């Protein structure tokens, strides 16, 4: 028998948050105990009410959902956090995984699927939206993204910008267009950055950079 699952919804769109509350509470095993309009409110509510699970939007004013997730996973590690968003950004997914999210779901999910996801996550399963299968192939590399900071001072501001653009899913040609360099120059810089941090792929570079606060 499943005990009552206490949920906090963090979303700055009141109508959507209330709709989510209505959908979830159609199931007798789920109770929404609070709605937060930004990350800071979500953190305060979690500390006060100790919910079982938080449905966390990413883009909110002030403190974003990913920032709130990072803080909550340190302060309240037993609370399960599910990113519920319209964005399929590879960077957001990887950053969420680095911060040990328990699920990543897109907002076009059907009500019954959302209820099922909440129950599965509460039981200890990780739930990832099926539309991000391409990103899931990179998850296995997260554990291998050790890297080293032995030459951190060797990075130039342009190198940090290149890493940020890589995290946004841009290839060498697209990065070259943004930064007004030749594609060959970008290719050489990416190879140099990989060597500096002793990582083997662009995905490992992004994960390592997120873990160590480089981006």
N, C-alpha and C. Protein backbone atom coordinates (compact mmCIF):
# COMPACT_ATOMS: atom_id res chain seq x y z
N UNK A 1 0.84 -1.21 0.00
CA UNK A 1 0.00 0.00 0.00
C UNK A 1 0.87 1.26 0.00
N UNK A 2 0.59 2.20 -0.91
CA UNK A 2 1.36 3.42 -1.01
C UNK A 2 0.83 4.45 -0.02
N UNK A 3 1.71 5.02 0.80
CA UNK A 3 1.30 6.07 1.71
C UNK A 3 1.10 7.36 0.93
N UNK A 4 0.46 8.34 1.53
CA UNK A 4 0.19 9.61 0.87
C UNK A 4 1.51 10.26 0.43
N UNK A 5 1.58 10.62 -0.84
CA UNK A 5 2.78 11.26 -1.39
C UNK A 5 2.57 12.77 -1.34
N UNK A 6 3.40 13.45 -0.57
CA UNK A 6 3.29 14.90 -0.42
C UNK A 6 4.16 15.59 -1.47
N UNK A 7 3.53 16.47 -2.24
CA UNK A 7 4.21 17.09 -3.39
C UNK A 7 4.19 18.61 -3.28
N UNK A 8 5.31 19.23 -3.66
CA UNK A 8 5.37 20.67 -3.85
C UNK A 8 5.60 20.93 -5.33
N UNK A 9 4.85 21.88 -5.89
CA UNK A 9 5.01 22.28 -7.29
C UNK A 9 5.73 23.62 -7.32
N UNK A 10 6.80 23.70 -8.09
CA UNK A 10 7.54 24.96 -8.24
C UNK A 10 7.43 25.41 -9.70
N UNK A 11 6.60 26.41 -9.94
CA UNK A 11 6.38 26.91 -11.30
C UNK A 11 5.80 28.32 -11.19
N UNK A 12 6.37 29.26 -11.94
CA UNK A 12 5.93 30.65 -11.83
C UNK A 12 4.66 30.94 -12.63
N UNK A 13 4.16 29.97 -13.39
CA UNK A 13 2.90 30.14 -14.10
C UNK A 13 1.76 29.57 -13.24
N UNK A 14 1.01 30.45 -12.61
CA UNK A 14 0.00 30.04 -11.63
C UNK A 14 -1.04 29.10 -12.22
N UNK A 15 -1.50 29.40 -13.43
CA UNK A 15 -2.54 28.57 -14.04
C UNK A 15 -2.04 27.15 -14.26
N UNK A 16 -0.80 27.02 -14.76
CA UNK A 16 -0.23 25.70 -15.00
C UNK A 16 -0.03 24.96 -13.68
N UNK A 17 0.49 25.66 -12.67
CA UNK A 17 0.72 25.04 -11.37
C UNK A 17 -0.58 24.51 -10.77
N UNK A 18 -1.63 25.31 -10.86
CA UNK A 18 -2.93 24.89 -10.33
C UNK A 18 -3.51 23.73 -11.14
N UNK A 19 -3.25 23.72 -12.44
CA UNK A 19 -3.71 22.61 -13.28
C UNK A 19 -2.99 21.32 -12.91
N UNK A 20 -1.69 21.45 -12.64
CA UNK A 20 -0.91 20.28 -12.22
C UNK A 20 -1.43 19.75 -10.88
N UNK A 21 -1.75 20.68 -9.98
CA UNK A 21 -2.29 20.28 -8.69
C UNK A 21 -3.61 19.52 -8.87
N UNK A 22 -4.47 20.05 -9.72
CA UNK A 22 -5.76 19.40 -9.97
C UNK A 22 -5.55 18.00 -10.54
N UNK A 23 -4.64 17.87 -11.51
CA UNK A 23 -4.39 16.57 -12.14
C UNK A 23 -3.86 15.56 -11.13
N UNK A 24 -2.88 15.98 -10.34
CA UNK A 24 -2.26 15.06 -9.39
C UNK A 24 -3.24 14.61 -8.32
N UNK A 25 -4.07 15.53 -7.86
CA UNK A 25 -4.95 15.20 -6.75
C UNK A 25 -6.20 14.42 -7.18
N UNK A 26 -6.27 14.08 -8.47
CA UNK A 26 -7.29 13.14 -8.90
C UNK A 26 -6.98 11.74 -8.37
N UNK A 27 -5.71 11.55 -7.97
CA UNK A 27 -5.30 10.29 -7.37
C UNK A 27 -5.28 10.45 -5.84
N UNK A 28 -5.95 9.55 -5.16
CA UNK A 28 -6.10 9.67 -3.71
C UNK A 28 -4.78 9.51 -2.95
N UNK A 29 -3.74 9.01 -3.62
CA UNK A 29 -2.46 8.78 -2.94
C UNK A 29 -1.53 9.99 -3.02
N UNK A 30 -1.95 11.06 -3.69
CA UNK A 30 -1.09 12.23 -3.90
C UNK A 30 -1.76 13.48 -3.35
N UNK A 31 -0.99 14.28 -2.61
CA UNK A 31 -1.48 15.54 -2.05
C UNK A 31 -0.47 16.65 -2.31
N UNK A 32 -0.89 17.71 -3.00
CA UNK A 32 -0.03 18.87 -3.21
C UNK A 32 -0.12 19.76 -1.98
N UNK A 33 1.00 19.95 -1.30
CA UNK A 33 1.00 20.69 -0.03
C UNK A 33 1.51 22.12 -0.19
N UNK A 34 1.93 22.49 -1.41
CA UNK A 34 2.40 23.85 -1.61
C UNK A 34 2.75 24.12 -3.06
N UNK A 35 2.62 25.41 -3.44
CA UNK A 35 3.02 25.85 -4.78
C UNK A 35 3.98 27.01 -4.62
N UNK A 36 5.18 26.86 -5.20
CA UNK A 36 6.21 27.90 -5.13
C UNK A 36 6.33 28.57 -6.50
N UNK A 37 6.60 29.88 -6.50
CA UNK A 37 6.70 30.62 -7.76
C UNK A 37 8.13 30.83 -8.22
N UNK A 38 9.10 30.42 -7.42
CA UNK A 38 10.50 30.49 -7.83
C UNK A 38 11.32 29.53 -6.99
N UNK A 39 12.59 29.42 -7.32
CA UNK A 39 13.46 28.47 -6.63
C UNK A 39 13.62 28.75 -5.15
N UNK A 40 13.72 30.02 -4.80
CA UNK A 40 13.90 30.37 -3.38
C UNK A 40 12.68 29.95 -2.55
N UNK A 41 11.48 30.18 -3.11
CA UNK A 41 10.27 29.76 -2.40
C UNK A 41 10.23 28.24 -2.26
N UNK A 42 10.67 27.54 -3.31
CA UNK A 42 10.68 26.08 -3.26
C UNK A 42 11.61 25.57 -2.17
N UNK A 43 12.77 26.19 -2.05
CA UNK A 43 13.73 25.79 -1.02
C UNK A 43 13.13 26.02 0.37
N UNK A 44 12.53 27.20 0.59
CA UNK A 44 11.94 27.53 1.89
C UNK A 44 10.80 26.57 2.23
N UNK A 45 9.95 26.28 1.26
CA UNK A 45 8.83 25.37 1.50
C UNK A 45 9.30 23.96 1.82
N UNK A 46 10.33 23.53 1.12
CA UNK A 46 10.84 22.17 1.36
C UNK A 46 11.41 22.04 2.76
N UNK A 47 12.12 23.06 3.21
CA UNK A 47 12.70 23.02 4.55
C UNK A 47 11.61 23.05 5.62
N UNK A 48 10.51 23.76 5.32
CA UNK A 48 9.44 23.87 6.31
C UNK A 48 8.51 22.67 6.32
N UNK A 49 8.13 22.20 5.13
CA UNK A 49 7.09 21.17 5.03
C UNK A 49 7.62 19.76 4.76
N UNK A 50 8.89 19.64 4.36
CA UNK A 50 9.49 18.32 4.11
C UNK A 50 8.61 17.43 3.21
N UNK A 51 8.41 17.84 1.96
CA UNK A 51 7.61 17.02 1.05
C UNK A 51 8.37 15.75 0.65
N UNK A 52 7.66 14.84 0.02
CA UNK A 52 8.32 13.65 -0.52
C UNK A 52 8.95 13.94 -1.87
N UNK A 53 8.33 14.86 -2.61
CA UNK A 53 8.74 15.08 -4.00
C UNK A 53 8.43 16.51 -4.42
N UNK A 54 9.30 17.05 -5.27
CA UNK A 54 9.09 18.39 -5.84
C UNK A 54 9.05 18.28 -7.35
N UNK A 55 8.00 18.87 -7.97
CA UNK A 55 7.96 19.04 -9.42
C UNK A 55 8.53 20.41 -9.70
N UNK A 56 9.70 20.46 -10.34
CA UNK A 56 10.48 21.69 -10.44
C UNK A 56 10.59 22.18 -11.88
N UNK A 57 10.05 23.37 -12.14
CA UNK A 57 10.26 24.00 -13.44
C UNK A 57 11.71 24.51 -13.50
N UNK A 58 12.23 24.73 -14.71
CA UNK A 58 13.60 25.20 -14.83
C UNK A 58 13.65 26.72 -14.81
N UNK A 59 12.92 27.36 -15.73
CA UNK A 59 13.02 28.81 -15.87
C UNK A 59 12.02 29.49 -14.96
N UNK A 60 12.54 30.07 -13.88
CA UNK A 60 11.72 30.83 -12.94
C UNK A 60 12.50 32.09 -12.55
N UNK A 61 11.82 33.17 -12.17
CA UNK A 61 12.52 34.41 -11.82
C UNK A 61 13.37 34.24 -10.56
N UNK A 62 14.48 34.96 -10.54
CA UNK A 62 15.36 34.90 -9.37
C UNK A 62 16.18 33.63 -9.37
N UNK A 63 15.79 32.70 -8.55
CA UNK A 63 16.50 31.42 -8.41
C UNK A 63 15.85 30.39 -9.35
N UNK A 64 16.62 29.87 -10.31
CA UNK A 64 16.07 28.92 -11.28
C UNK A 64 15.83 27.56 -10.64
N UNK A 65 15.13 26.70 -11.37
CA UNK A 65 14.88 25.37 -10.87
C UNK A 65 16.14 24.54 -10.69
N UNK A 66 17.10 24.70 -11.59
CA UNK A 66 18.35 23.94 -11.47
C UNK A 66 19.17 24.43 -10.28
N UNK A 67 19.16 25.75 -10.03
CA UNK A 67 19.87 26.28 -8.86
C UNK A 67 19.21 25.78 -7.57
N UNK A 68 17.89 25.78 -7.55
CA UNK A 68 17.16 25.30 -6.37
C UNK A 68 17.42 23.81 -6.16
N UNK A 69 17.48 23.06 -7.25
CA UNK A 69 17.75 21.62 -7.15
C UNK A 69 19.10 21.37 -6.51
N UNK A 70 20.10 22.10 -6.97
CA UNK A 70 21.45 21.93 -6.41
C UNK A 70 21.46 22.20 -4.91
N UNK A 71 20.79 23.27 -4.49
CA UNK A 71 20.74 23.61 -3.05
C UNK A 71 19.97 22.57 -2.26
N UNK A 72 18.82 22.13 -2.79
CA UNK A 72 17.97 21.18 -2.06
C UNK A 72 18.63 19.82 -1.93
N UNK A 73 19.34 19.39 -2.94
CA UNK A 73 19.98 18.07 -2.87
C UNK A 73 21.08 18.04 -1.81
N UNK A 74 21.59 19.21 -1.47
CA UNK A 74 22.58 19.30 -0.39
C UNK A 74 21.89 19.42 0.96
N UNK A 75 20.84 20.25 1.02
CA UNK A 75 20.18 20.53 2.30
C UNK A 75 19.16 19.46 2.68
N UNK A 76 18.47 18.91 1.69
CA UNK A 76 17.40 17.93 1.95
C UNK A 76 17.54 16.76 0.98
N UNK A 77 18.57 15.95 1.11
CA UNK A 77 18.86 14.90 0.12
C UNK A 77 17.78 13.84 -0.03
N UNK A 78 16.91 13.70 0.97
CA UNK A 78 15.86 12.67 0.89
C UNK A 78 14.66 13.09 0.05
N UNK A 79 14.56 14.38 -0.24
CA UNK A 79 13.45 14.86 -1.07
C UNK A 79 13.75 14.57 -2.53
N UNK A 80 12.82 13.92 -3.20
CA UNK A 80 13.01 13.60 -4.61
C UNK A 80 12.62 14.81 -5.46
N UNK A 81 13.44 15.11 -6.46
CA UNK A 81 13.21 16.28 -7.29
C UNK A 81 13.07 15.86 -8.75
N UNK A 82 11.96 16.28 -9.35
CA UNK A 82 11.66 15.95 -10.73
C UNK A 82 11.60 17.25 -11.54
N UNK A 83 12.45 17.36 -12.55
CA UNK A 83 12.38 18.51 -13.43
C UNK A 83 11.18 18.31 -14.36
N UNK A 84 10.28 19.30 -14.37
CA UNK A 84 9.10 19.27 -15.23
C UNK A 84 9.15 20.54 -16.08
N UNK A 85 9.48 20.40 -17.36
CA UNK A 85 9.82 21.55 -18.17
C UNK A 85 9.36 21.39 -19.61
N UNK A 86 9.43 22.48 -20.37
CA UNK A 86 9.16 22.41 -21.81
C UNK A 86 10.46 22.30 -22.59
N UNK A 87 11.61 22.37 -21.89
CA UNK A 87 12.91 22.42 -22.56
C UNK A 87 13.59 21.05 -22.59
N UNK A 88 14.15 20.71 -23.76
CA UNK A 88 14.89 19.46 -23.91
C UNK A 88 16.39 19.73 -24.02
N UNK A 89 16.85 20.82 -23.44
CA UNK A 89 18.25 21.22 -23.54
C UNK A 89 19.18 20.15 -22.97
N UNK A 90 20.16 19.76 -23.77
CA UNK A 90 21.14 18.77 -23.32
C UNK A 90 21.88 19.27 -22.08
N UNK A 91 22.20 20.55 -22.09
CA UNK A 91 22.91 21.14 -20.95
C UNK A 91 22.07 21.02 -19.68
N UNK A 92 20.78 21.34 -19.76
CA UNK A 92 19.91 21.26 -18.59
C UNK A 92 19.78 19.83 -18.08
N UNK A 93 19.67 18.88 -19.02
CA UNK A 93 19.54 17.48 -18.63
C UNK A 93 20.80 17.01 -17.92
N UNK A 94 21.95 17.31 -18.49
CA UNK A 94 23.22 16.89 -17.89
C UNK A 94 23.43 17.57 -16.53
N UNK A 95 23.10 18.87 -16.46
CA UNK A 95 23.27 19.57 -15.19
C UNK A 95 22.35 18.99 -14.14
N UNK A 96 21.13 18.65 -14.55
CA UNK A 96 20.21 18.01 -13.62
C UNK A 96 20.75 16.68 -13.13
N UNK A 97 21.32 15.89 -14.03
CA UNK A 97 21.88 14.59 -13.64
C UNK A 97 23.06 14.75 -12.70
N UNK A 98 23.90 15.75 -12.97
CA UNK A 98 25.03 16.02 -12.07
C UNK A 98 24.52 16.35 -10.68
N UNK A 99 23.38 17.06 -10.61
CA UNK A 99 22.79 17.44 -9.31
C UNK A 99 21.86 16.37 -8.75
N UNK A 100 21.88 15.19 -9.37
CA UNK A 100 21.18 14.00 -8.85
C UNK A 100 19.67 14.14 -8.83
N UNK A 101 19.11 14.67 -9.93
CA UNK A 101 17.65 14.71 -10.03
C UNK A 101 17.11 13.28 -10.08
N UNK A 102 15.83 13.14 -9.77
CA UNK A 102 15.19 11.82 -9.76
C UNK A 102 14.32 11.60 -10.98
N UNK A 103 14.15 12.65 -11.79
CA UNK A 103 13.36 12.51 -13.00
C UNK A 103 13.44 13.75 -13.85
N UNK A 104 13.19 13.59 -15.16
CA UNK A 104 13.19 14.72 -16.09
C UNK A 104 12.03 14.48 -17.04
N UNK A 105 10.97 15.30 -16.91
CA UNK A 105 9.73 15.09 -17.64
C UNK A 105 9.34 16.37 -18.37
N UNK A 106 8.82 16.21 -19.59
CA UNK A 106 8.35 17.36 -20.36
C UNK A 106 6.88 17.63 -20.05
N UNK A 107 6.47 18.89 -20.17
CA UNK A 107 5.15 19.32 -19.72
C UNK A 107 4.00 18.84 -20.61
N UNK A 108 4.32 18.23 -21.74
CA UNK A 108 3.23 17.71 -22.57
C UNK A 108 2.81 16.30 -22.15
N UNK A 109 3.30 15.86 -21.00
CA UNK A 109 2.95 14.54 -20.49
C UNK A 109 1.45 14.47 -20.17
N UNK A 110 0.85 13.31 -20.35
CA UNK A 110 -0.57 13.13 -20.06
C UNK A 110 -0.78 12.98 -18.55
N UNK A 111 -1.95 13.40 -18.06
CA UNK A 111 -2.20 13.36 -16.61
C UNK A 111 -1.92 12.00 -15.96
N UNK A 112 -2.42 10.93 -16.54
CA UNK A 112 -2.23 9.62 -15.93
C UNK A 112 -0.76 9.20 -15.96
N UNK A 113 -0.04 9.62 -17.01
CA UNK A 113 1.39 9.31 -17.08
C UNK A 113 2.15 10.08 -16.01
N UNK A 114 1.73 11.32 -15.75
CA UNK A 114 2.38 12.12 -14.71
C UNK A 114 2.16 11.48 -13.34
N UNK A 115 0.94 11.05 -13.08
CA UNK A 115 0.64 10.39 -11.81
C UNK A 115 1.48 9.13 -11.65
N UNK A 116 1.56 8.36 -12.73
CA UNK A 116 2.35 7.13 -12.67
C UNK A 116 3.82 7.43 -12.45
N UNK A 117 4.31 8.51 -13.11
CA UNK A 117 5.72 8.89 -12.95
C UNK A 117 6.01 9.28 -11.51
N UNK A 118 5.12 10.07 -10.90
CA UNK A 118 5.30 10.49 -9.51
C UNK A 118 5.36 9.28 -8.59
N UNK A 119 4.48 8.32 -8.81
CA UNK A 119 4.47 7.13 -7.96
C UNK A 119 5.72 6.28 -8.16
N UNK A 120 6.16 6.16 -9.40
CA UNK A 120 7.38 5.37 -9.66
C UNK A 120 8.60 6.03 -9.02
N UNK A 121 8.70 7.35 -9.16
CA UNK A 121 9.84 8.06 -8.59
C UNK A 121 9.83 7.96 -7.07
N UNK A 122 8.66 8.07 -6.47
CA UNK A 122 8.56 7.94 -5.01
C UNK A 122 9.01 6.55 -4.54
N UNK A 123 8.85 5.56 -5.41
CA UNK A 123 9.28 4.20 -5.08
C UNK A 123 10.76 3.96 -5.37
N UNK A 124 11.46 5.00 -5.84
CA UNK A 124 12.90 4.88 -6.02
C UNK A 124 13.37 4.74 -7.45
N UNK A 125 12.46 4.80 -8.41
CA UNK A 125 12.85 4.70 -9.82
C UNK A 125 13.18 6.08 -10.37
N UNK A 126 14.08 6.13 -11.36
CA UNK A 126 14.32 7.37 -12.10
C UNK A 126 13.46 7.34 -13.36
N UNK A 127 12.78 8.44 -13.63
CA UNK A 127 11.91 8.52 -14.81
C UNK A 127 12.43 9.63 -15.72
N UNK A 128 12.74 9.25 -16.97
CA UNK A 128 13.22 10.21 -17.96
C UNK A 128 12.27 10.20 -19.14
N UNK A 129 11.88 11.37 -19.62
CA UNK A 129 10.96 11.47 -20.74
C UNK A 129 11.51 10.75 -21.97
N UNK A 130 10.65 10.01 -22.66
CA UNK A 130 11.08 9.23 -23.81
C UNK A 130 11.60 10.04 -24.97
N UNK A 131 11.25 11.33 -25.03
CA UNK A 131 11.66 12.16 -26.16
C UNK A 131 13.13 12.55 -26.10
N UNK A 132 13.80 12.28 -24.97
CA UNK A 132 15.21 12.67 -24.85
C UNK A 132 16.13 11.46 -24.94
N UNK A 133 15.72 10.47 -25.73
CA UNK A 133 16.51 9.24 -25.85
C UNK A 133 17.93 9.52 -26.34
N UNK A 134 18.07 10.51 -27.24
CA UNK A 134 19.40 10.81 -27.75
C UNK A 134 20.35 11.25 -26.66
N UNK A 135 19.84 12.01 -25.70
CA UNK A 135 20.68 12.47 -24.60
C UNK A 135 20.98 11.32 -23.64
N UNK A 136 20.04 10.40 -23.50
CA UNK A 136 20.25 9.29 -22.56
C UNK A 136 21.46 8.44 -22.94
N UNK A 137 21.81 8.45 -24.22
CA UNK A 137 22.98 7.68 -24.64
C UNK A 137 24.26 8.21 -24.00
N UNK A 138 24.20 9.51 -23.63
CA UNK A 138 25.39 10.13 -23.02
C UNK A 138 25.47 9.90 -21.52
N UNK A 139 24.38 9.44 -20.92
CA UNK A 139 24.36 9.31 -19.46
C UNK A 139 25.44 8.36 -18.97
N UNK A 140 25.67 7.28 -19.72
CA UNK A 140 26.66 6.29 -19.30
C UNK A 140 28.04 6.89 -19.17
N UNK A 141 28.28 8.01 -19.88
CA UNK A 141 29.60 8.62 -19.83
C UNK A 141 29.82 9.48 -18.60
N UNK A 142 28.72 9.81 -17.90
CA UNK A 142 28.84 10.71 -16.76
C UNK A 142 29.78 10.15 -15.70
N UNK A 143 29.64 8.87 -15.41
CA UNK A 143 30.48 8.25 -14.38
C UNK A 143 31.94 8.21 -14.76
N UNK A 144 32.24 8.32 -16.08
CA UNK A 144 33.62 8.26 -16.52
C UNK A 144 34.26 9.64 -16.63
N UNK A 145 33.45 10.68 -16.44
CA UNK A 145 33.96 12.02 -16.66
C UNK A 145 34.72 12.53 -15.44
N UNK A 146 35.83 11.91 -15.18
CA UNK A 146 36.63 12.29 -14.02
C UNK A 146 37.37 13.59 -14.25
N UNK A 147 38.29 13.58 -15.23
CA UNK A 147 39.02 14.79 -15.55
C UNK A 147 39.97 15.23 -14.45
N UNK A 148 40.77 16.25 -14.79
CA UNK A 148 41.71 16.82 -13.82
C UNK A 148 41.76 18.33 -14.03
N UNK A 149 42.00 19.05 -12.93
CA UNK A 149 42.11 20.51 -13.02
C UNK A 149 43.56 20.97 -12.96
N UNK A 150 44.46 20.15 -13.46
CA UNK A 150 45.88 20.43 -13.30
C UNK A 150 46.33 21.69 -14.03
N UNK A 151 45.62 22.08 -15.09
CA UNK A 151 46.02 23.26 -15.85
C UNK A 151 44.87 24.24 -16.00
N UNK A 152 44.11 24.43 -14.93
CA UNK A 152 42.94 25.29 -15.01
C UNK A 152 43.30 26.70 -15.47
N UNK A 153 44.45 27.17 -15.04
CA UNK A 153 44.87 28.51 -15.42
C UNK A 153 45.19 28.65 -16.89
N UNK A 154 45.32 27.54 -17.59
CA UNK A 154 45.65 27.58 -19.01
C UNK A 154 44.45 27.93 -19.86
N UNK A 155 43.25 27.89 -19.31
CA UNK A 155 42.05 28.22 -20.08
C UNK A 155 41.92 29.73 -20.24
N UNK A 156 41.56 30.15 -21.45
CA UNK A 156 41.31 31.55 -21.73
C UNK A 156 39.80 31.80 -21.68
N UNK A 157 39.37 33.05 -21.57
CA UNK A 157 37.93 33.34 -21.57
C UNK A 157 37.22 32.76 -22.79
N UNK A 158 37.91 32.78 -23.94
CA UNK A 158 37.31 32.21 -25.15
C UNK A 158 37.10 30.71 -25.01
N UNK A 159 37.99 30.05 -24.27
CA UNK A 159 37.85 28.61 -24.06
C UNK A 159 36.61 28.29 -23.24
N UNK A 160 36.35 29.12 -22.22
CA UNK A 160 35.15 28.94 -21.40
C UNK A 160 33.91 29.10 -22.27
N UNK A 161 33.94 30.10 -23.16
CA UNK A 161 32.81 30.34 -24.06
C UNK A 161 32.61 29.16 -25.00
N UNK A 162 33.69 28.55 -25.45
CA UNK A 162 33.59 27.38 -26.31
C UNK A 162 32.92 26.23 -25.57
N UNK A 163 33.30 26.03 -24.31
CA UNK A 163 32.70 24.95 -23.51
C UNK A 163 31.20 25.21 -23.34
N UNK A 164 30.82 26.47 -23.10
CA UNK A 164 29.41 26.81 -22.94
C UNK A 164 28.64 26.51 -24.23
N UNK A 165 29.24 26.83 -25.36
CA UNK A 165 28.58 26.58 -26.64
C UNK A 165 28.48 25.08 -26.93
N UNK A 166 29.50 24.33 -26.53
CA UNK A 166 29.44 22.87 -26.66
C UNK A 166 28.30 22.33 -25.82
N UNK A 167 28.15 22.88 -24.61
CA UNK A 167 27.08 22.41 -23.72
C UNK A 167 25.70 22.71 -24.29
N UNK A 168 25.61 23.70 -25.18
CA UNK A 168 24.34 24.02 -25.84
C UNK A 168 24.11 23.17 -27.08
N UNK A 169 25.04 22.23 -27.33
CA UNK A 169 24.87 21.29 -28.44
C UNK A 169 25.42 21.76 -29.77
N UNK A 170 26.19 22.84 -29.79
CA UNK A 170 26.71 23.37 -31.05
C UNK A 170 27.95 22.59 -31.50
N UNK A 171 28.06 22.41 -32.82
CA UNK A 171 29.24 21.74 -33.37
C UNK A 171 30.33 22.77 -33.67
N UNK A 172 31.48 22.30 -34.16
CA UNK A 172 32.61 23.20 -34.39
C UNK A 172 32.28 24.32 -35.37
N UNK A 173 31.55 23.99 -36.44
CA UNK A 173 31.20 25.00 -37.44
C UNK A 173 30.31 26.08 -36.82
N UNK A 174 29.34 25.68 -36.03
CA UNK A 174 28.43 26.64 -35.40
C UNK A 174 29.17 27.50 -34.38
N UNK A 175 30.08 26.89 -33.63
CA UNK A 175 30.87 27.65 -32.65
C UNK A 175 31.74 28.67 -33.37
N UNK A 176 32.34 28.24 -34.50
CA UNK A 176 33.19 29.14 -35.28
C UNK A 176 32.39 30.35 -35.77
N UNK A 177 31.16 30.14 -36.18
CA UNK A 177 30.32 31.25 -36.65
C UNK A 177 30.00 32.21 -35.52
N UNK A 178 29.72 31.68 -34.33
CA UNK A 178 29.38 32.53 -33.19
C UNK A 178 30.58 33.37 -32.75
N UNK A 179 31.75 32.75 -32.71
CA UNK A 179 32.94 33.42 -32.19
C UNK A 179 33.80 34.07 -33.27
N UNK A 180 33.37 33.92 -34.53
CA UNK A 180 34.08 34.53 -35.65
C UNK A 180 35.51 33.99 -35.80
N UNK A 181 35.65 32.69 -35.66
CA UNK A 181 36.92 32.01 -35.90
C UNK A 181 36.72 31.02 -37.05
N UNK A 182 37.84 30.49 -37.56
CA UNK A 182 37.73 29.43 -38.55
C UNK A 182 37.35 28.12 -37.86
N UNK A 183 36.73 27.22 -38.61
CA UNK A 183 36.35 25.93 -38.03
C UNK A 183 37.57 25.16 -37.56
N UNK A 184 38.68 25.29 -38.30
CA UNK A 184 39.92 24.60 -37.92
C UNK A 184 40.47 25.10 -36.59
N UNK A 185 40.36 26.41 -36.37
CA UNK A 185 40.82 26.98 -35.09
C UNK A 185 40.01 26.43 -33.93
N UNK A 186 38.70 26.35 -34.12
CA UNK A 186 37.83 25.82 -33.06
C UNK A 186 38.16 24.35 -32.80
N UNK A 187 38.36 23.59 -33.85
CA UNK A 187 38.70 22.18 -33.69
C UNK A 187 39.97 22.02 -32.86
N UNK A 188 40.98 22.83 -33.15
CA UNK A 188 42.24 22.76 -32.40
C UNK A 188 42.04 23.19 -30.95
N UNK A 189 41.22 24.20 -30.73
CA UNK A 189 40.98 24.67 -29.35
C UNK A 189 40.23 23.62 -28.54
N UNK A 190 39.26 22.98 -29.16
CA UNK A 190 38.51 21.93 -28.46
C UNK A 190 39.45 20.79 -28.09
N UNK A 191 40.32 20.40 -29.01
CA UNK A 191 41.28 19.32 -28.72
C UNK A 191 42.20 19.71 -27.57
N UNK A 192 42.61 20.98 -27.55
CA UNK A 192 43.48 21.47 -26.47
C UNK A 192 42.75 21.44 -25.13
N UNK A 193 41.48 21.85 -25.11
CA UNK A 193 40.71 21.86 -23.86
C UNK A 193 40.52 20.43 -23.34
N UNK A 194 40.21 19.49 -24.24
CA UNK A 194 40.06 18.09 -23.84
C UNK A 194 41.35 17.58 -23.21
N UNK A 195 42.48 17.96 -23.80
CA UNK A 195 43.78 17.53 -23.28
C UNK A 195 44.07 18.14 -21.91
N UNK A 196 43.73 19.42 -21.75
CA UNK A 196 43.98 20.10 -20.47
C UNK A 196 43.27 19.38 -19.32
N UNK A 197 42.02 18.98 -19.56
CA UNK A 197 41.24 18.36 -18.49
C UNK A 197 41.25 16.84 -18.51
N UNK A 198 42.02 16.26 -19.41
CA UNK A 198 42.16 14.79 -19.46
C UNK A 198 40.81 14.09 -19.59
N UNK A 199 39.96 14.61 -20.49
CA UNK A 199 38.69 13.95 -20.80
C UNK A 199 38.71 13.52 -22.26
N UNK A 200 37.86 12.54 -22.59
CA UNK A 200 37.95 11.91 -23.90
C UNK A 200 36.89 12.33 -24.89
N UNK A 201 35.89 13.07 -24.45
CA UNK A 201 34.81 13.44 -25.36
C UNK A 201 34.21 14.77 -24.95
N UNK A 202 33.44 15.34 -25.86
CA UNK A 202 32.77 16.61 -25.58
C UNK A 202 31.75 16.46 -24.45
N UNK A 203 31.08 15.32 -24.41
CA UNK A 203 30.11 15.09 -23.33
C UNK A 203 30.81 15.05 -21.98
N UNK A 204 31.93 14.32 -21.90
CA UNK A 204 32.68 14.27 -20.64
C UNK A 204 33.16 15.67 -20.26
N UNK A 205 33.55 16.47 -21.25
CA UNK A 205 34.00 17.83 -20.98
C UNK A 205 32.88 18.66 -20.35
N UNK A 206 31.67 18.56 -20.91
CA UNK A 206 30.54 19.32 -20.38
C UNK A 206 30.21 18.89 -18.96
N UNK A 207 30.16 17.57 -18.74
CA UNK A 207 29.84 17.07 -17.40
C UNK A 207 30.90 17.49 -16.40
N UNK A 208 32.17 17.37 -16.78
CA UNK A 208 33.26 17.76 -15.89
C UNK A 208 33.18 19.26 -15.58
N UNK A 209 32.88 20.07 -16.59
CA UNK A 209 32.80 21.51 -16.40
C UNK A 209 31.64 21.89 -15.48
N UNK A 210 30.51 21.19 -15.62
CA UNK A 210 29.38 21.44 -14.74
C UNK A 210 29.69 21.03 -13.30
N UNK A 211 30.32 19.87 -13.15
CA UNK A 211 30.66 19.39 -11.81
C UNK A 211 31.59 20.34 -11.08
N UNK A 212 32.49 20.98 -11.83
CA UNK A 212 33.53 21.80 -11.20
C UNK A 212 33.28 23.29 -11.30
N UNK A 213 32.06 23.67 -11.69
CA UNK A 213 31.70 25.08 -11.72
C UNK A 213 32.41 25.90 -12.78
N UNK A 214 32.89 25.25 -13.84
CA UNK A 214 33.59 25.98 -14.90
C UNK A 214 32.59 26.72 -15.76
N UNK A 215 31.42 26.14 -15.95
CA UNK A 215 30.35 26.82 -16.68
C UNK A 215 29.08 26.83 -15.82
